[in-house]
Amino acid sequence: MEPLEIFKVETKIPEEAEAYKSILSDVMSDLALANAIGRIYVIITPEDSLFQMTIILRGSPPLVKTSDFSDVNIGAVTRKEIQVVLRDEKYLPDLLEKLWAKYGRGKVIQQDRKTINISVGDIDREIGAIKEMVIFDPKRTLLSRLVEMAIRGTPEGFRVRYHSLNDNEFIFVASEDAMKPEWIQQGHQMLDKIKGGEGLGSST
């Protein structure tokens, strides 16, 4: 696990900042997020019922396509059939769902655990489409884990929440009160700070 470049938690009481930092470290470990996160900046303002967190990810995970985990070729029996042979079975349920949705269940035959045959009309067009078909978007599961981490680190009762993930930049704001646009704007300013490391040190 690589150490975080910046891990900054600010409150008016330094002891509370350390306690929140410890909680967030544990949650990151529980959710297997430590390797995905490069920088974190948190400001907790209990007197304003406000929790703000910004995160810079180490990089955006790539989309997983059929060709990333399987071999796609023309079927041996007929040129009207495409054969997909899996190298990794982890994505099999997602692949079948996508193929069923596009071609219909009757044209998608699972020959064995690792082999799927698809009947198609235009072999040349469809073989390329199947190879490039996006089967899994890791960013979706990453976002849900980031939100869960933020919620678990938020003070109890802060149930009004905002979050966004743009490329590798994550913002989370929570409060007991109605969300204010300036709080979200402050989140963007916090992002600018950690992007430049401005006055934040390495991991304090």
Protein backbone atom coordinates (compact mmCIF):
# COMPACT_ATOMS: atom_id res chain seq x y z
CA MET A 1 0.00 0.00 0.00
CA GLU A 2 1.41 3.38 -1.01
CA PRO A 3 1.28 6.12 1.65
CA LEU A 4 -1.11 9.00 1.05
CA GLU A 5 0.54 12.10 -0.36
CA ILE A 6 -1.73 14.33 1.75
CA PHE A 7 -4.06 13.35 4.58
CA LYS A 8 -5.28 16.49 6.31
CA VAL A 9 -8.14 16.74 8.82
CA GLU A 10 -8.99 20.16 10.27
CA THR A 11 -11.12 20.93 13.31
CA LYS A 12 -10.87 23.61 15.98
CA ILE A 13 -9.71 20.97 18.49
CA PRO A 14 -6.53 19.11 17.37
CA GLU A 15 -7.42 16.00 19.41
CA GLU A 16 -10.72 15.69 17.53
CA ALA A 17 -8.89 16.00 14.21
CA GLU A 18 -6.64 13.07 15.14
CA ALA A 19 -9.65 10.99 16.23
CA TYR A 20 -11.45 11.62 12.91
CA LYS A 21 -8.27 10.86 11.00
CA SER A 22 -8.00 7.52 12.79
CA ILE A 23 -11.65 6.70 12.00
CA LEU A 24 -11.19 7.54 8.32
CA SER A 25 -8.01 5.45 8.13
CA ASP A 26 -9.88 2.44 9.50
CA VAL A 27 -12.78 2.93 7.08
CA MET A 28 -10.40 3.27 4.13
CA SER A 29 -8.81 0.00 5.11
CA ASP A 30 -12.20 -1.74 5.57
CA LEU A 31 -13.36 -0.63 2.11
CA ALA A 32 -10.01 -1.40 0.40
CA LEU A 33 -9.69 2.22 -0.77
CA ALA A 34 -6.18 3.04 0.42
CA ASN A 35 -4.50 2.19 -2.90
CA ALA A 36 -7.08 4.17 -4.89
CA ILE A 37 -6.74 7.41 -2.90
CA GLY A 38 -3.82 9.79 -3.25
CA ARG A 39 -4.89 12.84 -1.24
CA ILE A 40 -7.61 13.61 1.33
CA TYR A 41 -8.57 16.94 2.88
CA VAL A 42 -11.34 17.13 5.49
CA ILE A 43 -12.73 20.11 7.38
CA ILE A 44 -15.15 19.46 10.23
CA THR A 45 -17.01 22.45 11.67
CA PRO A 46 -19.42 21.16 14.35
CA GLU A 47 -20.56 24.65 15.31
CA ASP A 48 -21.91 25.07 11.76
CA SER A 49 -23.11 21.43 11.52
CA LEU A 50 -20.75 20.99 8.57
CA PHE A 51 -18.52 18.18 7.29
CA GLN A 52 -16.55 18.68 4.06
CA MET A 53 -14.30 16.10 2.40
CA THR A 54 -12.33 16.26 -0.83
CA ILE A 55 -10.32 13.41 -2.36
CA ILE A 56 -7.92 13.13 -5.27
CA LEU A 57 -7.76 9.57 -6.61
CA ARG A 58 -4.51 8.12 -7.87
CA GLY A 59 -6.15 7.64 -11.28
CA SER A 60 -9.46 6.80 -12.92
CA PRO A 61 -9.90 3.02 -13.29
CA PRO A 62 -10.41 1.95 -16.93
CA LEU A 63 -13.62 0.46 -18.29
CA VAL A 64 -13.60 -3.33 -18.64
CA LYS A 65 -14.43 -4.53 -22.17
CA THR A 66 -15.14 -8.06 -23.40
CA SER A 67 -11.72 -8.26 -25.05
CA ASP A 68 -10.01 -7.49 -21.72
CA PHE A 69 -10.98 -10.84 -20.22
CA SER A 70 -11.88 -13.10 -23.16
CA ASP A 71 -11.00 -14.14 -26.70
CA VAL A 72 -13.61 -13.25 -29.33
CA ASN A 73 -13.51 -15.13 -32.64
CA ILE A 74 -15.69 -16.41 -35.46
CA GLY A 75 -17.37 -19.67 -34.46
CA ALA A 76 -15.88 -22.90 -35.78
CA VAL A 77 -19.18 -24.26 -37.14
CA THR A 78 -20.66 -21.31 -39.01
CA ARG A 79 -19.72 -17.79 -40.08
CA LYS A 80 -23.01 -16.61 -38.61
CA GLU A 81 -21.79 -17.32 -35.09
CA ILE A 82 -19.32 -15.54 -32.80
CA GLN A 83 -17.59 -17.47 -30.05
CA VAL A 84 -16.45 -15.84 -26.80
CA VAL A 85 -13.98 -17.84 -24.69
CA LEU A 86 -13.45 -16.40 -21.21
CA ARG A 87 -9.99 -16.05 -19.68
CA ASP A 88 -11.53 -14.69 -16.46
CA GLU A 89 -14.93 -15.96 -15.28
CA LYS A 90 -15.44 -13.09 -12.82
CA TYR A 91 -17.31 -11.04 -15.42
CA LEU A 92 -19.46 -13.88 -16.80
CA PRO A 93 -22.80 -12.76 -15.21
CA ASP A 94 -22.33 -9.17 -16.43
CA LEU A 95 -21.30 -10.35 -19.91
CA LEU A 96 -24.35 -12.60 -20.26
CA GLU A 97 -26.69 -9.79 -19.17
CA LYS A 98 -25.21 -7.46 -21.81
CA LEU A 99 -25.36 -10.10 -24.56
CA TRP A 100 -28.93 -11.11 -23.70
CA ALA A 101 -30.01 -7.45 -23.76
CA LYS A 102 -28.47 -6.86 -27.19
CA TYR A 103 -29.06 -10.15 -29.03
CA GLY A 104 -31.82 -11.91 -27.08
CA ARG A 105 -31.52 -15.05 -24.97
CA GLY A 106 -32.33 -17.36 -27.86
CA LYS A 107 -29.24 -16.27 -29.78
CA VAL A 108 -26.81 -16.46 -26.85
CA ILE A 109 -25.86 -20.04 -25.99
CA GLN A 110 -23.51 -20.83 -23.11
CA GLN A 111 -21.79 -23.93 -24.43
CA ASP A 112 -19.83 -24.54 -21.21
CA ARG A 113 -18.54 -22.57 -18.23
CA LYS A 114 -16.11 -20.53 -20.31
CA THR A 115 -17.59 -20.60 -23.81
CA ILE A 116 -20.47 -18.55 -25.21
CA ASN A 117 -21.76 -18.70 -28.80
CA ILE A 118 -23.75 -15.79 -30.24
CA SER A 119 -25.77 -16.01 -33.46
CA VAL A 120 -25.50 -12.76 -35.43
CA GLY A 121 -26.49 -11.36 -38.81
CA ASP A 122 -23.40 -9.33 -39.75
CA ILE A 123 -20.35 -11.20 -38.47
CA ASP A 124 -17.78 -8.52 -39.36
CA ARG A 125 -19.68 -5.71 -37.66
CA GLU A 126 -20.78 -7.66 -34.60
CA ILE A 127 -17.42 -9.24 -33.77
CA GLY A 128 -15.94 -5.76 -33.32
CA ALA A 129 -18.97 -4.62 -31.31
CA ILE A 130 -18.69 -7.58 -28.94
CA LYS A 131 -14.94 -7.07 -28.44
CA GLU A 132 -15.51 -3.39 -27.54
CA MET A 133 -18.64 -3.96 -25.45
CA VAL A 134 -18.25 -2.34 -22.02
CA ILE A 135 -19.07 -5.02 -19.45
CA PHE A 136 -18.07 -3.36 -16.20
CA ASP A 137 -17.45 0.21 -15.08
CA PRO A 138 -15.27 0.10 -11.93
CA LYS A 139 -15.89 3.80 -11.38
CA ARG A 140 -19.47 3.03 -10.34
CA THR A 141 -18.42 0.71 -7.53
CA LEU A 142 -15.57 3.05 -6.59
CA LEU A 143 -18.03 5.93 -6.21
CA SER A 144 -20.29 3.87 -3.93
CA ARG A 145 -17.30 2.96 -1.74
CA LEU A 146 -16.15 6.59 -1.56
CA VAL A 147 -19.64 7.70 -0.52
CA GLU A 148 -19.81 4.93 2.09
CA MET A 149 -16.43 5.97 3.45
CA ALA A 150 -17.54 9.59 3.70
CA ILE A 151 -20.84 8.69 5.38
CA ARG A 152 -19.10 6.46 7.92
CA GLY A 153 -16.69 9.27 8.74
CA THR A 154 -19.41 11.90 9.06
CA PRO A 155 -20.68 12.97 12.52
CA GLU A 156 -23.95 11.33 13.52
CA GLY A 157 -27.05 13.22 12.43
CA PHE A 158 -25.47 14.86 9.35
CA ARG A 159 -28.04 13.44 6.92
CA VAL A 160 -28.26 16.23 4.35
CA ARG A 161 -25.56 15.24 1.84
CA TYR A 162 -24.01 16.21 -1.47
CA HIS A 163 -21.38 14.28 -3.42
CA SER A 164 -19.77 14.35 -6.86
CA LEU A 165 -17.06 12.40 -8.68
CA ASN A 166 -15.50 14.14 -11.65
CA ASP A 167 -12.65 12.19 -13.24
CA ASN A 168 -10.39 11.56 -10.22
CA GLU A 169 -11.81 14.34 -7.98
CA PHE A 170 -14.37 13.57 -5.27
CA ILE A 171 -16.31 16.08 -3.16
CA PHE A 172 -18.57 15.23 -0.23
CA VAL A 173 -20.47 17.70 1.96
CA ALA A 174 -22.81 16.80 4.83
CA SER A 175 -24.80 18.74 7.39
CA GLU A 176 -27.78 18.66 9.74
CA ASP A 177 -29.11 21.74 7.96
CA ALA A 178 -30.24 22.52 4.41
CA MET A 179 -27.36 22.38 1.92
CA LYS A 180 -25.84 25.76 1.05
CA PRO A 181 -24.23 26.41 -2.37
CA GLU A 182 -21.25 28.08 -0.69
CA TRP A 183 -20.42 24.86 1.17
CA ILE A 184 -20.09 23.04 -2.15
CA GLN A 185 -18.04 25.92 -3.54
CA GLN A 186 -15.74 25.63 -0.53
CA GLY A 187 -15.36 21.95 -1.42
CA HIS A 188 -14.06 22.96 -4.85
CA GLN A 189 -11.64 25.39 -3.18
CA MET A 190 -10.44 22.55 -0.95
CA LEU A 191 -9.81 20.48 -4.09
CA ASP A 192 -7.70 23.29 -5.53
CA LYS A 193 -5.65 23.31 -2.34
CA ILE A 194 -4.87 19.60 -2.33
CA LYS A 195 -4.18 19.59 -6.05
CA GLY A 196 -1.41 22.11 -5.40
CA GLY A 197 -0.52 20.83 -1.91
CA GLU A 198 -0.98 24.42 -0.83
CA GLY A 199 0.03 24.77 2.81
CA LEU A 200 -1.17 21.27 3.67
CA GLY A 201 2.07 19.37 4.23
CA SER A 202 2.36 15.69 3.38
CA SER A 203 0.09 13.75 5.72
CA THR A 204 -0.85 15.86 8.72
